[in-house]
Protein backbone atom coordinates (compact mmCIF):
# COMPACT_ATOMS: atom_id res chain seq x y z
CA MET A 1 -23.17 -22.52 12.22
CA SER A 2 -19.95 -21.41 10.51
CA ARG A 3 -18.30 -18.27 11.82
CA TYR A 4 -16.38 -15.98 9.53
CA ILE A 5 -13.79 -13.25 9.83
CA ASP A 6 -12.48 -11.14 6.98
CA LEU A 7 -8.71 -10.60 6.93
CA ASN A 8 -7.56 -7.79 4.66
CA CYS A 9 -4.18 -6.52 3.54
CA ASP A 10 -2.99 -3.40 1.70
CA MET A 11 -1.20 -4.39 -1.50
CA GLY A 12 0.37 -3.19 -4.72
CA GLU A 13 2.52 -0.69 -2.83
CA GLY A 14 5.90 -1.79 -4.22
CA GLU A 15 7.34 -1.67 -7.71
CA THR A 16 9.69 -4.68 -7.53
CA GLU A 17 9.07 -8.30 -8.42
CA ALA A 18 9.99 -9.22 -4.83
CA SER A 19 7.16 -7.02 -3.57
CA ALA A 20 4.72 -8.59 -6.02
CA ALA A 21 5.86 -12.06 -4.96
CA LEU A 22 5.29 -11.22 -1.29
CA ASP A 23 1.82 -9.94 -2.12
CA ARG A 24 1.01 -13.24 -3.84
CA GLU A 25 2.21 -15.18 -0.80
CA LEU A 26 0.15 -13.02 1.56
CA MET A 27 -2.93 -13.54 -0.60
CA ARG A 28 -2.97 -17.20 0.41
CA PHE A 29 -3.95 -16.19 3.95
CA ILE A 30 -6.44 -13.34 3.48
CA SER A 31 -9.91 -12.79 2.03
CA SER A 32 -9.82 -9.12 0.98
CA CYS A 33 -7.18 -6.74 -0.31
CA SER A 34 -7.03 -2.99 -0.89
CA ILE A 35 -4.84 -2.02 -3.82
CA ALA A 36 -2.77 1.15 -4.10
CA CYS A 37 -3.96 3.19 -7.07
CA GLY A 38 -1.42 5.93 -7.62
CA GLY A 39 -1.80 8.37 -4.75
CA HIS A 40 0.85 7.15 -2.30
CA ALA A 41 2.09 4.21 -4.37
CA GLY A 42 1.13 2.06 -7.31
CA SER A 43 1.09 2.43 -11.08
CA GLU A 44 -0.93 1.05 -13.96
CA ARG A 45 1.52 -1.85 -14.15
CA THR A 46 1.30 -2.72 -10.45
CA MET A 47 -2.47 -2.30 -10.45
CA ARG A 48 -2.83 -4.76 -13.34
CA GLN A 49 -0.40 -7.19 -11.73
CA THR A 50 -2.00 -7.03 -8.29
CA VAL A 51 -5.58 -7.22 -9.57
CA ALA A 52 -4.73 -10.30 -11.65
CA SER A 53 -3.17 -12.00 -8.62
CA ALA A 54 -6.12 -11.05 -6.39
CA LEU A 55 -8.64 -12.46 -8.86
CA ASP A 56 -6.64 -15.68 -9.14
CA ALA A 57 -6.74 -15.93 -5.34
CA GLY A 58 -10.50 -15.27 -5.20
CA LEU A 59 -10.16 -12.16 -3.03
CA ARG A 60 -12.60 -9.31 -2.51
CA ILE A 61 -10.95 -6.26 -4.06
CA GLY A 62 -10.93 -2.70 -2.76
CA ALA A 63 -9.31 0.56 -3.82
CA HIS A 64 -6.73 2.16 -1.53
CA PRO A 65 -6.62 5.88 -2.45
CA SER A 66 -4.72 8.52 -0.52
CA TYR A 67 -3.60 12.08 -0.52
CA PRO A 68 -1.57 12.57 -3.72
CA ASP A 69 1.76 12.39 -1.91
CA ARG A 70 4.11 9.69 -3.12
CA GLU A 71 7.10 11.41 -1.51
CA ASN A 72 5.76 10.75 1.99
CA PHE A 73 3.90 7.52 1.15
CA GLY A 74 0.61 9.26 1.95
CA ARG A 75 1.44 9.38 5.63
CA GLN A 76 1.39 13.15 6.06
CA SER A 77 -1.75 15.28 6.07
CA MET A 78 -2.20 17.66 3.15
CA THR A 79 -4.19 20.86 2.75
CA LEU A 80 -6.02 20.68 -0.57
CA THR A 81 -9.13 22.42 -1.83
CA PRO A 82 -12.21 20.18 -1.74
CA ASP A 83 -12.29 20.12 -5.55
CA ALA A 84 -8.63 19.12 -5.78
CA LEU A 85 -9.00 16.35 -3.20
CA CYS A 86 -12.18 15.03 -4.81
CA ALA A 87 -10.45 14.99 -8.19
CA ALA A 88 -7.47 13.08 -6.78
CA ILE A 89 -9.65 10.45 -5.10
CA THR A 90 -11.86 10.08 -8.17
CA GLU A 91 -8.85 9.62 -10.45
CA GLN A 92 -7.36 6.94 -8.22
CA VAL A 93 -10.53 4.92 -7.59
CA CYS A 94 -11.64 5.08 -11.22
CA ALA A 95 -8.21 3.98 -12.42
CA LEU A 96 -8.34 0.83 -10.31
CA GLN A 97 -12.01 0.22 -11.08
CA ALA A 98 -11.23 0.30 -14.81
CA VAL A 99 -8.50 -2.32 -14.37
CA VAL A 100 -10.74 -4.56 -12.26
CA ASN A 101 -13.60 -4.30 -14.76
CA GLU A 102 -11.28 -5.01 -17.70
CA LYS A 103 -10.10 -8.21 -16.02
CA GLY A 104 -13.65 -9.37 -15.34
CA GLY A 105 -13.74 -8.62 -11.63
CA LYS A 106 -15.71 -6.26 -9.42
CA LEU A 107 -14.48 -3.45 -7.21
CA SER A 108 -16.21 -3.96 -3.85
CA PHE A 109 -14.98 -1.30 -1.44
CA VAL A 110 -12.82 1.77 -0.93
CA LYS A 111 -10.41 2.04 2.00
CA PRO A 112 -8.55 5.37 2.31
CA HIS A 113 -4.86 5.14 3.11
CA GLY A 114 -2.57 6.56 5.76
CA ALA A 115 -3.03 10.20 6.77
CA LEU A 116 -6.29 10.49 4.84
CA TYR A 117 -7.71 7.49 6.74
CA ASN A 118 -6.69 9.00 10.08
CA ASP A 119 -7.82 12.53 9.18
CA MET A 120 -11.27 11.18 8.30
CA VAL A 121 -11.51 9.69 11.80
CA ARG A 122 -10.91 13.15 13.28
CA GLU A 123 -12.75 15.39 10.80
CA ALA A 124 -16.41 14.75 10.06
CA GLU A 125 -16.50 17.30 7.23
CA LEU A 126 -13.63 15.57 5.47
CA THR A 127 -15.30 12.20 5.96
CA SER A 128 -18.51 13.46 4.33
CA LEU A 129 -16.54 14.92 1.42
CA ILE A 130 -14.69 11.68 0.70
CA ILE A 131 -17.77 9.47 1.05
CA GLU A 132 -19.84 11.75 -1.19
CA THR A 133 -17.05 11.55 -3.76
CA ILE A 134 -17.04 7.75 -3.65
CA LYS A 135 -20.83 7.66 -3.88
CA ARG A 136 -20.69 9.69 -7.09
CA ILE A 137 -18.26 7.15 -8.53
CA ASP A 138 -20.42 4.16 -7.62
CA PRO A 139 -23.08 4.13 -4.87
CA LYS A 140 -22.70 0.35 -4.53
CA LEU A 141 -19.12 0.62 -3.28
CA LYS A 142 -18.67 -0.06 0.43
CA ILE A 143 -16.61 2.22 2.65
CA MET A 144 -13.95 0.58 4.82
CA GLY A 145 -12.85 2.68 7.77
CA LEU A 146 -11.90 2.61 11.43
CA ALA A 147 -14.33 0.56 13.49
CA GLY A 148 -15.88 2.54 16.32
CA SER A 149 -15.40 5.90 14.60
CA HIS A 150 -17.96 8.40 13.31
CA CYS A 151 -17.20 7.15 9.79
CA ARG A 152 -19.94 4.51 10.14
CA ALA A 153 -22.71 6.97 11.02
CA ILE A 154 -21.65 9.38 8.28
CA SER A 155 -21.42 6.61 5.68
CA GLU A 156 -24.80 5.18 6.56
CA GLY A 157 -26.31 8.66 6.71
CA LEU A 158 -25.23 9.11 3.10
CA GLY A 159 -26.70 5.76 2.11
CA MET A 160 -23.37 3.93 1.86
CA GLN A 161 -22.58 0.57 3.46
CA PHE A 162 -19.74 0.69 5.98
CA LEU A 163 -17.19 -2.00 6.84
CA GLY A 164 -15.68 -1.41 10.26
CA GLU A 165 -11.98 -2.28 10.28
CA ALA A 166 -9.73 -3.19 13.18
CA PHE A 167 -5.98 -3.82 13.14
CA ALA A 168 -3.88 -6.83 14.06
CA ASP A 169 -0.58 -5.00 13.92
CA ARG A 170 -1.32 -1.56 15.37
CA ARG A 171 -1.87 -0.41 18.94
CA TYR A 172 -4.82 1.77 19.88
CA ALA A 173 -4.79 5.03 21.81
CA ASP A 174 -7.19 5.47 24.72
CA ASN A 175 -9.61 7.41 22.48
CA GLY A 176 -10.01 4.42 20.15
CA GLN A 177 -7.88 5.89 17.36
CA LEU A 178 -4.66 4.30 16.14
CA SER A 179 -1.53 5.22 18.05
CA PRO A 180 0.84 7.24 15.83
CA ARG A 181 3.51 5.12 14.15
CA SER A 182 6.10 7.43 15.73
CA GLN A 183 5.11 6.23 19.21
CA ASP A 184 7.13 3.40 20.71
CA GLY A 185 5.20 0.14 20.52
CA ALA A 186 2.56 1.48 18.11
CA VAL A 187 3.36 -1.18 15.50
CA ILE A 188 2.96 -4.79 16.61
CA THR A 189 5.68 -7.00 15.10
CA GLN A 190 5.30 -10.13 17.29
CA PRO A 191 2.89 -12.65 15.67
CA GLU A 192 1.67 -13.96 19.03
CA THR A 193 0.73 -10.43 20.13
CA ALA A 194 -1.13 -9.81 16.87
CA VAL A 195 -3.05 -13.08 17.31
CA ALA A 196 -4.00 -12.15 20.87
CA GLN A 197 -5.30 -8.77 19.71
CA ILE A 198 -7.41 -10.34 16.94
CA ILE A 199 -8.89 -12.92 19.28
CA SER A 200 -9.77 -10.18 21.76
CA ILE A 201 -11.58 -8.23 19.03
CA VAL A 202 -13.31 -11.19 17.39
CA GLU A 203 -14.26 -13.18 20.48
CA HIS A 204 -14.72 -10.45 23.09
CA THR A 205 -15.39 -7.28 21.00
CA ARG A 206 -12.75 -5.32 22.89
CA VAL A 207 -9.12 -4.26 22.49
CA GLU A 208 -6.43 -3.25 24.97
CA SER A 209 -5.08 0.24 24.38
CA ILE A 210 -1.38 1.04 24.37
CA SER A 211 -1.73 2.31 27.97
CA GLY A 212 -3.54 -0.83 29.16
CA ARG A 213 -7.19 0.33 29.03
CA TRP A 214 -9.86 -1.97 27.60
CA LEU A 215 -11.92 -0.38 24.82
CA PRO A 216 -15.09 -1.79 23.23
CA LEU A 217 -14.49 -2.65 19.57
CA SER A 218 -16.61 -4.51 17.04
CA ALA A 219 -15.28 -4.97 13.51
CA GLN A 220 -16.21 -6.63 10.21
CA SER A 221 -12.64 -6.86 8.91
CA ILE A 222 -9.15 -7.18 10.39
CA CYS A 223 -6.13 -5.60 8.68
CA VAL A 224 -2.56 -6.87 8.63
CA HIS A 225 -0.24 -4.44 6.84
CA SER A 226 1.92 -6.01 4.15
CA ASP A 227 4.84 -3.72 5.08
CA THR A 228 4.84 -4.65 8.77
CA PRO A 229 8.02 -6.61 9.57
CA GLY A 230 7.17 -10.31 9.64
CA ALA A 231 3.76 -9.82 7.98
CA LEU A 232 3.83 -13.24 6.30
CA GLU A 233 4.73 -15.03 9.53
CA GLN A 234 2.00 -13.07 11.32
CA LEU A 235 -0.62 -14.12 8.80
CA LYS A 236 0.39 -17.78 8.88
CA LEU A 237 0.12 -17.89 12.66
CA ILE A 238 -3.08 -15.84 12.67
CA THR A 239 -4.90 -18.04 10.16
CA ASN A 240 -3.80 -21.24 11.89
CA HIS A 241 -4.97 -19.97 15.26
CA LEU A 242 -8.28 -18.63 13.97
CA SER A 243 -8.97 -21.93 12.21
CA SER A 244 -8.30 -23.79 15.45
CA CYS A 245 -10.91 -21.53 17.10
CA GLY A 246 -13.50 -22.52 14.49
CA LEU A 247 -13.28 -19.30 12.50
CA ARG A 248 -13.19 -19.34 8.71
CA ILE A 249 -11.26 -16.64 6.84
CA ALA A 250 -13.75 -15.21 4.35
CA ALA A 251 -15.20 -11.91 3.16
CA THR A 252 -18.69 -11.65 4.60
């Protein structure tokens, strides 16, 4: 029986042709992508460009909304009223969904970005608010969030399908959350280390924390960030190694 693993990457976060070209190269090695839709990065032009490339590559497409904070790339928490946050998320997801529909594709999932993603892991009330907002947009959209977090139970409790995500290029804290980027060693830049972490998750459903503890972890998708140094080299090595282990890169 064939075994599958979904590799995803966050895309459409740069405005230059070089950034778009890198995204197209990365798309050769992944099966899903989440596309920035104006909150932390992205514009109508980059959304159209990235969606077209993703459809050409046969990828599963997701929206990548965030706090409306382009100045800090969506990586700082914001205090917004529930109505204001819901409006921001709705505007972003609907903007990308309109582009995908226009080009004959289908928006499959929503993966929050940066500080919003991490805040949802810590705050159940915020998680419920965001998932209810996405459900009102389209109840068939899947929610992609941190594997092992309460986001799964909350999503499923609201009748939404959840895709648990793990990371190839980020270290984990002992509580199962991502180590802050400001911490030394939190971002994995060595391809061999990223491969070892993926194999541990896929084959053994566990991951080693930044302090050396083993944590149980089961995931449906593995993320490699497009802005991690050496991302393309990481993905080439990862896909080659996974293929040698009998794993097919595909959205399940």
